[in-house]
N, C-alpha and C. Protein backbone atom coordinates (compact mmCIF):
# COMPACT_ATOMS: atom_id res chain seq x y z
N MET A 1 -8.59 118.22 187.44
CA MET A 1 -9.16 119.39 186.83
C MET A 1 -9.17 119.16 185.31
N VAL A 2 -10.29 119.42 184.69
CA VAL A 2 -10.44 119.23 183.25
C VAL A 2 -10.60 120.60 182.59
N PHE A 3 -9.86 120.81 181.50
CA PHE A 3 -9.93 122.06 180.77
C PHE A 3 -10.68 121.82 179.46
N ASN A 4 -11.59 122.72 179.16
CA ASN A 4 -12.29 122.64 177.90
C ASN A 4 -11.64 123.66 176.96
N LEU A 5 -10.92 123.18 175.97
CA LEU A 5 -10.18 124.06 175.08
C LEU A 5 -11.06 124.74 174.06
N PHE A 6 -12.28 124.23 173.85
CA PHE A 6 -13.13 124.76 172.80
C PHE A 6 -14.17 125.74 173.30
N ARG A 7 -14.27 125.89 174.61
CA ARG A 7 -15.24 126.81 175.18
C ARG A 7 -14.66 128.21 175.21
N LYS A 8 -15.43 129.19 174.80
CA LYS A 8 -14.97 130.56 174.84
C LYS A 8 -15.23 131.14 176.22
N ASN A 9 -14.33 132.00 176.65
CA ASN A 9 -14.52 132.67 177.93
C ASN A 9 -15.67 133.65 177.82
N ASP A 10 -16.40 133.80 178.91
CA ASP A 10 -17.52 134.74 178.92
C ASP A 10 -17.02 136.18 178.86
N ALA A 11 -15.98 136.48 179.58
CA ALA A 11 -15.46 137.84 179.62
C ALA A 11 -14.08 137.85 178.95
N PRO A 12 -13.90 138.68 177.94
CA PRO A 12 -12.58 138.74 177.31
C PRO A 12 -11.55 139.33 178.27
N GLN A 13 -10.37 138.74 178.26
CA GLN A 13 -9.31 139.23 179.14
C GLN A 13 -8.51 140.29 178.42
N GLU A 14 -8.15 141.34 179.15
CA GLU A 14 -7.36 142.41 178.59
C GLU A 14 -5.88 142.07 178.66
N ALA A 15 -5.16 142.44 177.64
CA ALA A 15 -3.71 142.25 177.65
C ALA A 15 -3.10 143.27 178.61
N PRO A 16 -2.03 142.88 179.29
CA PRO A 16 -1.39 143.83 180.20
C PRO A 16 -0.85 145.02 179.44
N LYS A 17 -0.96 146.18 180.02
CA LYS A 17 -0.52 147.40 179.37
C LYS A 17 0.95 147.64 179.67
N THR A 18 1.79 147.45 178.67
CA THR A 18 3.22 147.70 178.83
C THR A 18 3.64 148.96 178.11
N GLU A 19 2.70 149.64 177.46
CA GLU A 19 3.03 150.83 176.70
C GLU A 19 3.56 151.94 177.59
N ASP A 20 3.15 151.95 178.86
CA ASP A 20 3.63 152.98 179.77
C ASP A 20 5.12 152.79 180.07
N ALA A 21 5.55 151.53 180.20
CA ALA A 21 6.93 151.25 180.56
C ALA A 21 7.85 151.22 179.34
N ILE A 22 7.36 150.75 178.20
CA ILE A 22 8.18 150.60 177.01
C ILE A 22 7.67 151.53 175.93
N LYS A 23 8.42 152.62 175.68
CA LYS A 23 7.97 153.62 174.72
C LYS A 23 8.81 153.62 173.45
N THR A 24 10.06 153.20 173.54
CA THR A 24 10.93 153.21 172.38
C THR A 24 11.56 151.84 172.17
N SER A 25 12.21 151.68 171.04
CA SER A 25 12.88 150.42 170.74
C SER A 25 14.02 150.17 171.72
N SER A 26 14.70 151.22 172.13
CA SER A 26 15.80 151.04 173.09
C SER A 26 15.26 150.60 174.46
N ASP A 27 14.08 151.07 174.82
CA ASP A 27 13.46 150.61 176.07
C ASP A 27 13.10 149.13 175.99
N LEU A 28 12.59 148.71 174.85
CA LEU A 28 12.26 147.29 174.65
C LEU A 28 13.51 146.45 174.71
N LEU A 29 14.58 146.88 174.07
CA LEU A 29 15.84 146.15 174.10
C LEU A 29 16.38 146.07 175.52
N ARG A 30 16.33 147.18 176.26
CA ARG A 30 16.79 147.17 177.65
C ARG A 30 15.96 146.22 178.50
N PHE A 31 14.64 146.19 178.27
CA PHE A 31 13.76 145.29 179.02
C PHE A 31 14.13 143.83 178.76
N ILE A 32 14.34 143.49 177.50
CA ILE A 32 14.69 142.10 177.15
C ILE A 32 16.04 141.73 177.75
N LEU A 33 17.03 142.59 177.57
CA LEU A 33 18.37 142.29 178.06
C LEU A 33 18.44 142.21 179.58
N SER A 34 17.70 143.08 180.26
CA SER A 34 17.76 143.08 181.73
C SER A 34 17.24 141.79 182.33
N HIS A 35 16.36 141.10 181.62
CA HIS A 35 15.85 139.82 182.11
C HIS A 35 16.70 138.64 181.65
N LEU A 36 17.69 138.92 180.83
CA LEU A 36 18.52 137.86 180.26
C LEU A 36 19.89 137.78 180.91
N VAL A 37 20.45 138.91 181.30
CA VAL A 37 21.84 138.95 181.76
C VAL A 37 21.93 138.93 183.29
N ASP A 38 23.15 138.67 183.77
CA ASP A 38 23.40 138.66 185.22
C ASP A 38 23.72 140.05 185.76
N TYR A 39 24.22 140.94 184.90
CA TYR A 39 24.61 142.28 185.30
C TYR A 39 23.79 143.32 184.53
N PRO A 40 22.50 143.49 184.86
CA PRO A 40 21.66 144.42 184.10
C PRO A 40 22.08 145.88 184.27
N GLU A 41 22.80 146.20 185.33
CA GLU A 41 23.21 147.59 185.54
C GLU A 41 24.32 148.01 184.56
N GLU A 42 24.95 147.05 183.89
CA GLU A 42 26.03 147.36 182.96
C GLU A 42 25.59 147.39 181.50
N ILE A 43 24.29 147.38 181.25
CA ILE A 43 23.78 147.43 179.89
C ILE A 43 23.90 148.86 179.37
N GLU A 44 24.51 149.00 178.20
CA GLU A 44 24.62 150.30 177.54
C GLU A 44 23.99 150.18 176.16
N ILE A 45 23.10 151.11 175.83
CA ILE A 45 22.44 151.10 174.52
C ILE A 45 22.57 152.49 173.92
N GLN A 46 23.07 152.54 172.68
CA GLN A 46 23.18 153.80 171.96
C GLN A 46 22.30 153.71 170.71
N GLU A 47 21.53 154.75 170.47
CA GLU A 47 20.70 154.83 169.26
C GLU A 47 21.44 155.69 168.25
N VAL A 48 21.69 155.14 167.07
CA VAL A 48 22.36 155.87 166.00
C VAL A 48 21.42 155.89 164.80
N GLN A 49 21.10 157.09 164.34
CA GLN A 49 20.21 157.24 163.18
C GLN A 49 21.08 157.20 161.92
N SER A 50 20.82 156.23 161.07
CA SER A 50 21.59 156.08 159.83
C SER A 50 20.61 156.07 158.66
N GLY A 51 20.31 157.23 158.15
CA GLY A 51 19.31 157.33 157.07
C GLY A 51 17.93 157.00 157.62
N LYS A 52 17.26 156.03 157.01
CA LYS A 52 15.93 155.63 157.47
C LYS A 52 15.99 154.55 158.54
N VAL A 53 17.18 154.04 158.81
CA VAL A 53 17.35 152.93 159.75
C VAL A 53 17.89 153.44 161.08
N THR A 54 17.28 152.98 162.16
CA THR A 54 17.79 153.26 163.49
C THR A 54 18.63 152.07 163.93
N VAL A 55 19.90 152.32 164.23
CA VAL A 55 20.80 151.26 164.66
C VAL A 55 20.91 151.33 166.17
N LEU A 56 20.60 150.24 166.84
CA LEU A 56 20.74 150.14 168.29
C LEU A 56 22.02 149.37 168.58
N GLU A 57 23.00 150.06 169.16
CA GLU A 57 24.26 149.43 169.52
C GLU A 57 24.21 149.12 171.01
N MET A 58 24.33 147.84 171.34
CA MET A 58 24.25 147.46 172.75
C MET A 58 25.59 146.91 173.21
N LYS A 59 25.86 147.15 174.48
CA LYS A 59 27.06 146.63 175.11
C LYS A 59 26.66 146.07 176.46
N VAL A 60 27.12 144.85 176.75
CA VAL A 60 26.83 144.20 178.04
C VAL A 60 28.15 143.76 178.65
N ASN A 61 28.08 143.32 179.88
CA ASN A 61 29.26 142.81 180.57
C ASN A 61 29.82 141.64 179.78
N GLU A 62 31.14 141.51 179.79
CA GLU A 62 31.80 140.45 179.03
C GLU A 62 31.33 139.06 179.45
N ALA A 63 30.99 138.89 180.72
CA ALA A 63 30.52 137.60 181.21
C ALA A 63 29.13 137.26 180.65
N ASP A 64 28.37 138.26 180.23
CA ASP A 64 27.03 138.05 179.71
C ASP A 64 26.96 137.92 178.20
N MET A 65 28.09 138.08 177.50
CA MET A 65 28.09 138.04 176.04
C MET A 65 27.55 136.71 175.51
N GLY A 66 27.93 135.62 176.13
CA GLY A 66 27.46 134.30 175.69
C GLY A 66 25.96 134.14 175.84
N LYS A 67 25.41 134.72 176.89
CA LYS A 67 23.96 134.64 177.11
C LYS A 67 23.21 135.45 176.07
N VAL A 68 23.76 136.58 175.67
CA VAL A 68 23.10 137.43 174.69
C VAL A 68 23.21 136.83 173.30
N ILE A 69 24.35 136.25 172.97
CA ILE A 69 24.54 135.66 171.65
C ILE A 69 23.79 134.32 171.56
N GLY A 70 23.94 133.48 172.56
CA GLY A 70 23.25 132.20 172.56
C GLY A 70 23.97 131.17 171.69
N LYS A 71 23.50 129.95 171.77
CA LYS A 71 24.09 128.87 171.02
C LYS A 71 23.81 129.08 169.53
N LYS A 72 24.86 129.13 168.73
CA LYS A 72 24.79 129.38 167.29
C LYS A 72 24.10 130.71 166.96
N GLY A 73 24.11 131.66 167.90
CA GLY A 73 23.55 132.99 167.64
C GLY A 73 22.03 133.05 167.70
N ARG A 74 21.40 132.07 168.28
CA ARG A 74 19.93 132.02 168.28
C ARG A 74 19.29 133.13 169.10
N ILE A 75 19.87 133.46 170.24
CA ILE A 75 19.27 134.48 171.12
C ILE A 75 19.34 135.85 170.46
N ILE A 76 20.51 136.22 169.93
CA ILE A 76 20.64 137.54 169.31
C ILE A 76 19.74 137.63 168.07
N LYS A 77 19.59 136.54 167.33
CA LYS A 77 18.69 136.54 166.18
C LYS A 77 17.25 136.76 166.63
N SER A 78 16.87 136.15 167.73
CA SER A 78 15.52 136.32 168.25
C SER A 78 15.27 137.74 168.73
N ILE A 79 16.26 138.31 169.40
CA ILE A 79 16.14 139.70 169.86
C ILE A 79 15.97 140.63 168.66
N ARG A 80 16.75 140.40 167.61
CA ARG A 80 16.64 141.22 166.40
C ARG A 80 15.27 141.08 165.76
N SER A 81 14.74 139.87 165.74
CA SER A 81 13.41 139.64 165.15
C SER A 81 12.32 140.36 165.92
N VAL A 82 12.38 140.30 167.24
CA VAL A 82 11.37 140.96 168.07
C VAL A 82 11.42 142.47 167.87
N LEU A 83 12.61 143.04 167.85
CA LEU A 83 12.75 144.48 167.69
C LEU A 83 12.35 144.93 166.29
N ARG A 84 12.67 144.12 165.27
CA ARG A 84 12.24 144.46 163.91
C ARG A 84 10.72 144.46 163.80
N ALA A 85 10.09 143.47 164.42
CA ALA A 85 8.63 143.38 164.38
C ALA A 85 7.98 144.54 165.12
N ALA A 86 8.53 144.91 166.27
CA ALA A 86 7.98 146.03 167.04
C ALA A 86 8.13 147.33 166.27
N ALA A 87 9.26 147.52 165.61
CA ALA A 87 9.48 148.74 164.84
C ALA A 87 8.61 148.77 163.59
N ALA A 88 8.37 147.62 162.99
CA ALA A 88 7.54 147.56 161.78
C ALA A 88 6.11 147.97 162.08
N ARG A 89 5.64 147.71 163.28
CA ARG A 89 4.29 148.12 163.67
C ARG A 89 4.16 149.63 163.66
N GLU A 90 5.29 150.32 163.86
CA GLU A 90 5.29 151.79 163.87
C GLU A 90 5.79 152.35 162.55
N GLY A 91 6.05 151.49 161.57
CA GLY A 91 6.52 151.95 160.27
C GLY A 91 7.97 152.37 160.26
N ARG A 92 8.78 151.82 161.15
CA ARG A 92 10.20 152.16 161.22
C ARG A 92 11.04 150.93 160.94
N THR A 93 12.34 151.12 160.75
CA THR A 93 13.29 150.03 160.54
C THR A 93 14.35 150.12 161.62
N VAL A 94 14.63 148.99 162.28
CA VAL A 94 15.60 148.95 163.36
C VAL A 94 16.60 147.84 163.11
N SER A 95 17.85 148.13 163.39
CA SER A 95 18.92 147.13 163.32
C SER A 95 19.58 147.07 164.69
N VAL A 96 19.95 145.87 165.13
CA VAL A 96 20.55 145.69 166.45
C VAL A 96 21.98 145.16 166.27
N GLU A 97 22.93 145.84 166.88
CA GLU A 97 24.34 145.45 166.81
C GLU A 97 24.88 145.25 168.23
N LEU A 98 25.75 144.27 168.38
CA LEU A 98 26.36 143.97 169.67
C LEU A 98 27.81 144.45 169.64
N ARG A 99 28.15 145.37 170.54
CA ARG A 99 29.52 145.90 170.65
C ARG A 99 30.25 145.14 171.74
N SER A 100 31.56 145.01 171.57
CA SER A 100 32.34 144.36 172.63
C SER A 100 33.09 145.39 173.45
């Protein structure tokens, strides 16, 4: 099978609509974490309003802490980047904290 990378598709494809399922930053965080951890039923997320910044405090099972943090903190940094970008689209500021 040969793919032509330079040919445009005749019909534009629509992006899947996730707006129905993910309405807030905490929903987005829960969605990301539930696909990352082994115990998604133990995810706890608290939204704390601190001035103009919304702080999302998350707590996961102790066995899943390493998966959420990642090697040298790469996973948690990525999660923070995604949530900051999503909040910036709405003109808000979000901070993500991991509680033990």
